[in-house]
Amino acid sequence: MLVSVLLIAGPALARDDSTISDADANATAEVSGRTIHTHYRAIEAVRAAMAADPAMRADDRVAGEITLGYGGQIHVTVLDDASAALYRAPVSAEGVLNAPVEALPEPAKLSPNERAAAQARTTALGFESPRCGEAYDTVVLPSSVEAQWVVFLIPRPSKGLVRLGGSNRVETEGDVVTAWRPYTRSCIDLNPAPDSVGMIVTHLLDPTPTEIHVFWSLWKSKPFYVSTMENGLWKIEDGRISAVED
């Protein structure tokens, strides 16, 4: 049985339930954000290795990636347009390749879990959610609900930009979208200077930071300050959320 190395701790949708405490919401966002980052970092490691190989770099069949966590590793499968496997590679939870990227002799059928993840990715990408730009990456993770998946649609970073706007969370079951949420109301790019102490944004959709704020803080390796209308200022650092009292 395949078990994700890190599982999402329940849904993290826009909060309208006053019974959810800030502490619970922050704990959920922390786990989810770190999970997204771990899988995204694994994809980036495989892309970097493929970019260094002339044959792989020139392969125009590549259409995207899916990841499955098991055996203490993130297993990355590179797909073609027909959702067949072209390349495979195991990556450590720290984002280091544990073996060279394997080029399959011919497009291979996916395992049942891979096929379900690929279907979720296709369903989410085909859903008409608000987008910022055309180039999108995906992180596909198993939901806590059986037979459902959670797909994070992430605008592809460019020149170090934090593409906060346009990020979406889409929940799927087969080829059906069961729920979705955006994380912003508009397209927002952050471009902190290399010597800056952090990033800051005003967030209007939730009383506390979300998993996507945690993800981008980890991706940029910078603290992220999130100001909310209801509960003031929060700081995200090293994947942890804390209230800023002063």
Protein backbone atom coordinates (compact mmCIF):
# COMPACT_ATOMS: atom_id res chain seq x y z
CA MET A 1 0.00 0.00 0.00
CA LEU A 2 1.28 3.47 -0.88
CA VAL A 3 1.35 5.94 1.97
CA SER A 4 2.32 9.56 1.51
CA VAL A 5 5.41 10.60 3.44
CA LEU A 6 3.51 13.68 4.59
CA LEU A 7 -0.27 13.85 4.52
CA ILE A 8 -2.47 16.90 4.42
CA ALA A 9 -4.15 17.28 7.78
CA GLY A 10 -7.67 17.85 6.53
CA PRO A 11 -9.10 20.60 4.31
CA ALA A 12 -7.77 24.13 4.52
CA LEU A 13 -10.49 26.09 2.78
CA ALA A 14 -11.43 29.71 3.35
CA ARG A 15 -12.58 29.77 6.96
CA ASP A 16 -16.15 30.67 7.78
CA ASP A 17 -16.49 28.38 10.82
CA SER A 18 -15.87 30.19 14.10
CA THR A 19 -15.47 26.85 15.87
CA ILE A 20 -12.06 26.35 14.23
CA SER A 21 -9.44 27.80 16.52
CA ASP A 22 -6.53 29.83 15.22
CA ALA A 23 -4.14 27.25 16.65
CA ASP A 24 -5.84 24.41 14.75
CA ALA A 25 -5.97 26.41 11.54
CA ASN A 26 -2.28 27.29 11.84
CA ALA A 27 -1.29 23.68 12.56
CA THR A 28 -3.19 22.52 9.48
CA ALA A 29 -1.63 25.23 7.31
CA GLU A 30 1.86 24.37 8.57
CA VAL A 31 1.58 20.66 7.79
CA SER A 32 -0.06 21.26 4.42
CA GLY A 33 2.40 23.99 3.41
CA ARG A 34 5.43 21.88 4.32
CA THR A 35 3.96 18.94 2.41
CA ILE A 36 3.42 21.03 -0.72
CA HIS A 37 6.98 22.34 -0.48
CA THR A 38 8.48 18.86 -0.02
CA HIS A 39 6.76 17.54 -3.14
CA TYR A 40 7.40 20.70 -5.17
CA ARG A 41 11.08 20.64 -4.22
CA ALA A 42 11.29 17.01 -5.40
CA ILE A 43 9.86 18.04 -8.77
CA GLU A 44 12.34 20.89 -9.01
CA ALA A 45 15.23 18.50 -8.30
CA VAL A 46 14.14 16.21 -11.13
CA ARG A 47 13.69 19.14 -13.51
CA ALA A 48 17.19 20.40 -12.70
CA ALA A 49 18.70 16.97 -13.39
CA MET A 50 16.82 16.68 -16.67
CA ALA A 51 17.86 20.18 -17.71
CA ALA A 52 21.49 19.11 -17.31
CA ASP A 53 21.01 16.19 -19.71
CA PRO A 54 20.84 17.29 -23.39
CA ALA A 55 18.53 14.46 -24.48
CA MET A 56 16.10 14.92 -21.61
CA ARG A 57 16.19 18.70 -21.96
CA ALA A 58 15.17 18.41 -25.62
CA ASP A 59 12.32 15.95 -25.00
CA ASP A 60 9.21 17.82 -26.13
CA ARG A 61 6.91 15.02 -24.95
CA VAL A 62 7.15 16.17 -21.32
CA ALA A 63 3.79 17.52 -20.11
CA GLY A 64 4.13 17.57 -16.31
CA GLU A 65 4.84 15.59 -13.18
CA ILE A 66 3.11 13.72 -10.38
CA THR A 67 4.57 12.67 -7.04
CA LEU A 68 3.86 9.89 -4.57
CA GLY A 69 5.44 9.66 -1.15
CA TYR A 70 6.39 6.25 0.19
CA GLY A 71 9.40 4.42 1.57
CA GLY A 72 10.74 7.65 3.05
CA GLN A 73 11.09 9.20 -0.41
CA ILE A 74 9.18 11.29 -2.92
CA HIS A 75 8.82 9.34 -6.16
CA VAL A 76 8.52 11.68 -9.13
CA THR A 77 6.99 10.48 -12.39
CA VAL A 78 7.32 12.68 -15.48
CA LEU A 79 4.31 12.38 -17.79
CA ASP A 80 3.51 12.89 -21.45
CA ASP A 81 0.26 14.35 -22.80
CA ALA A 82 -1.42 10.94 -22.61
CA SER A 83 -0.53 10.56 -18.90
CA ALA A 84 2.02 7.83 -19.58
CA ALA A 85 5.32 7.71 -17.70
CA LEU A 86 8.43 8.97 -19.50
CA TYR A 87 10.90 9.33 -16.61
CA ARG A 88 11.05 8.31 -12.97
CA ALA A 89 13.26 9.32 -10.06
CA PRO A 90 13.29 8.92 -6.26
CA VAL A 91 14.02 12.07 -4.27
CA SER A 92 14.74 12.39 -0.57
CA ALA A 93 12.46 14.43 1.69
CA GLU A 94 15.26 17.01 1.68
CA GLY A 95 15.04 17.41 -2.10
CA VAL A 96 18.12 15.39 -3.11
CA LEU A 97 18.01 12.81 -5.91
CA ASN A 98 18.57 9.34 -4.48
CA ALA A 99 19.26 7.89 -7.93
CA PRO A 100 19.73 9.24 -11.46
CA VAL A 101 16.58 10.10 -13.39
CA GLU A 102 15.52 6.94 -15.23
CA ALA A 103 14.52 7.37 -18.88
CA LEU A 104 12.00 4.67 -19.72
CA PRO A 105 12.57 2.91 -23.06
CA GLU A 106 8.99 3.72 -24.08
CA PRO A 107 6.02 5.48 -22.44
CA ALA A 108 4.80 3.21 -19.64
CA LYS A 109 1.41 2.68 -18.05
CA LEU A 110 0.92 4.17 -14.61
CA SER A 111 0.19 2.27 -11.43
CA PRO A 112 -3.36 2.64 -10.03
CA ASN A 113 -2.24 5.33 -7.57
CA GLU A 114 -0.25 7.16 -10.23
CA ARG A 115 -3.19 6.97 -12.60
CA ALA A 116 -5.51 8.47 -9.97
CA ALA A 117 -3.04 11.27 -9.27
CA ALA A 118 -2.65 11.97 -12.98
CA GLN A 119 -6.43 12.08 -13.40
CA ALA A 120 -6.69 14.55 -10.52
CA ARG A 121 -4.02 16.73 -12.13
CA THR A 122 -5.82 16.70 -15.49
CA THR A 123 -9.16 17.50 -13.84
CA ALA A 124 -7.75 20.41 -11.86
CA LEU A 125 -5.90 21.90 -14.82
CA GLY A 126 -9.09 21.71 -16.88
CA PHE A 127 -11.12 23.50 -14.21
CA GLU A 128 -11.85 27.15 -14.97
CA SER A 129 -10.46 28.72 -11.83
CA PRO A 130 -8.98 32.24 -11.87
CA ARG A 131 -5.41 32.14 -13.21
CA CYS A 132 -2.48 34.53 -13.29
CA GLY A 133 -0.47 33.69 -16.39
CA GLU A 134 -0.44 30.54 -18.48
CA ALA A 135 2.46 28.53 -17.03
CA TYR A 136 1.29 26.50 -14.03
CA ASP A 137 2.86 23.82 -11.87
CA THR A 138 0.88 21.28 -9.90
CA VAL A 139 1.32 19.42 -6.64
CA VAL A 140 -1.11 16.50 -6.36
CA LEU A 141 -1.66 14.97 -2.92
CA PRO A 142 -4.04 12.35 -1.51
CA SER A 143 -6.98 13.76 0.40
CA SER A 144 -8.03 12.61 3.85
CA VAL A 145 -11.27 11.58 2.10
CA GLU A 146 -11.02 8.18 0.40
CA ALA A 147 -10.80 8.26 -3.42
CA GLN A 148 -10.33 12.04 -3.44
CA TRP A 149 -7.25 14.11 -4.25
CA VAL A 150 -6.13 17.66 -3.59
CA VAL A 151 -4.37 19.56 -6.38
CA PHE A 152 -2.49 22.78 -5.76
CA LEU A 153 -2.26 24.93 -8.87
CA ILE A 154 0.81 27.11 -8.52
CA PRO A 155 1.84 29.80 -11.04
CA ARG A 156 5.32 28.88 -12.19
CA PRO A 157 7.94 31.11 -10.53
CA SER A 158 9.88 33.39 -12.85
CA LYS A 159 13.16 35.13 -11.98
CA GLY A 160 12.66 34.41 -8.31
CA LEU A 161 9.22 36.00 -8.12
CA VAL A 162 6.83 34.71 -5.48
CA ARG A 163 3.65 34.17 -7.52
CA LEU A 164 1.18 34.36 -4.67
CA GLY A 165 -1.70 35.53 -6.85
CA GLY A 166 -3.35 32.87 -8.97
CA SER A 167 -2.56 30.00 -6.62
CA ASN A 168 -5.57 27.70 -6.25
CA ARG A 169 -6.52 24.59 -4.32
CA VAL A 170 -8.76 22.14 -6.20
CA GLU A 171 -10.29 19.00 -4.66
CA THR A 172 -11.23 16.21 -7.05
CA GLU A 173 -12.85 12.80 -7.19
CA GLY A 174 -12.21 11.11 -10.52
CA ASP A 175 -12.93 13.68 -13.21
CA VAL A 176 -15.16 15.81 -10.95
CA VAL A 177 -14.13 18.90 -8.99
CA THR A 178 -15.74 18.61 -5.56
CA ALA A 179 -14.44 21.88 -4.07
CA TRP A 180 -11.98 24.63 -4.81
CA ARG A 181 -10.63 27.88 -3.45
CA PRO A 182 -8.36 30.72 -4.59
CA TYR A 183 -5.85 32.18 -2.15
CA THR A 184 -6.08 35.78 -3.34
CA ARG A 185 -8.58 38.05 -5.05
CA SER A 186 -6.09 39.35 -7.58
CA CYS A 187 -2.76 38.60 -9.23
CA ILE A 188 0.01 39.36 -6.74
CA ASP A 189 3.74 38.95 -7.38
CA LEU A 190 6.27 39.58 -4.63
CA ASN A 191 9.89 40.31 -5.46
CA PRO A 192 11.81 40.76 -2.21
CA ALA A 193 15.37 42.02 -2.44
CA PRO A 194 18.05 39.43 -1.68
CA ASP A 195 19.05 41.27 1.50
CA SER A 196 15.48 41.86 2.69
CA VAL A 197 14.45 40.45 6.05
CA GLY A 198 11.20 39.03 4.73
CA MET A 199 8.03 39.49 2.71
CA ILE A 200 4.71 40.99 3.75
CA VAL A 201 1.20 40.81 2.34
CA THR A 202 -2.32 41.70 3.43
CA HIS A 203 -4.61 38.66 3.31
CA LEU A 204 -8.38 39.21 3.18
CA LEU A 205 -9.82 35.72 2.77
CA ASP A 206 -8.93 34.08 6.10
CA PRO A 207 -8.29 35.18 9.69
CA THR A 208 -4.97 33.29 9.69
CA PRO A 209 -2.27 32.45 7.11
CA THR A 210 -2.84 29.55 4.74
CA GLU A 211 -0.76 26.66 3.49
CA ILE A 212 0.15 28.61 0.35
CA HIS A 213 1.78 31.32 2.48
CA VAL A 214 3.77 28.62 4.29
CA PHE A 215 4.77 27.08 0.95
CA TRP A 216 6.03 30.34 -0.53
CA SER A 217 7.93 31.23 2.62
CA LEU A 218 9.75 27.89 2.45
CA TRP A 219 10.30 28.15 -1.31
CA LYS A 220 11.84 31.61 -1.00
CA SER A 221 13.65 30.77 2.26
CA LYS A 222 12.42 34.00 3.79
CA PRO A 223 10.08 34.90 6.62
CA PHE A 224 6.61 35.84 5.43
CA TYR A 225 4.51 38.36 7.34
CA VAL A 226 0.77 38.01 6.70
CA SER A 227 -1.56 40.75 7.88
CA THR A 228 -5.19 39.66 8.31
CA MET A 229 -8.21 41.89 8.86
CA GLU A 230 -9.53 39.88 11.81
CA ASN A 231 -6.49 38.75 13.76
CA GLY A 232 -3.68 41.14 12.96
CA LEU A 233 -0.15 40.26 11.91
CA TRP A 234 1.36 36.77 11.66
CA LYS A 235 4.90 35.62 10.96
CA ILE A 236 5.82 32.47 9.04
CA GLU A 237 9.40 31.25 9.40
CA ASP A 238 10.86 27.79 8.77
CA GLY A 239 7.35 26.50 8.12
CA ARG A 240 5.97 27.70 11.46
CA ILE A 241 3.27 30.32 12.05
CA SER A 242 3.31 32.65 15.06
CA ALA A 243 1.40 35.75 16.03
CA VAL A 244 3.30 39.04 16.02
CA GLU A 245 2.39 40.62 19.33
CA ASP A 246 4.22 43.94 18.95
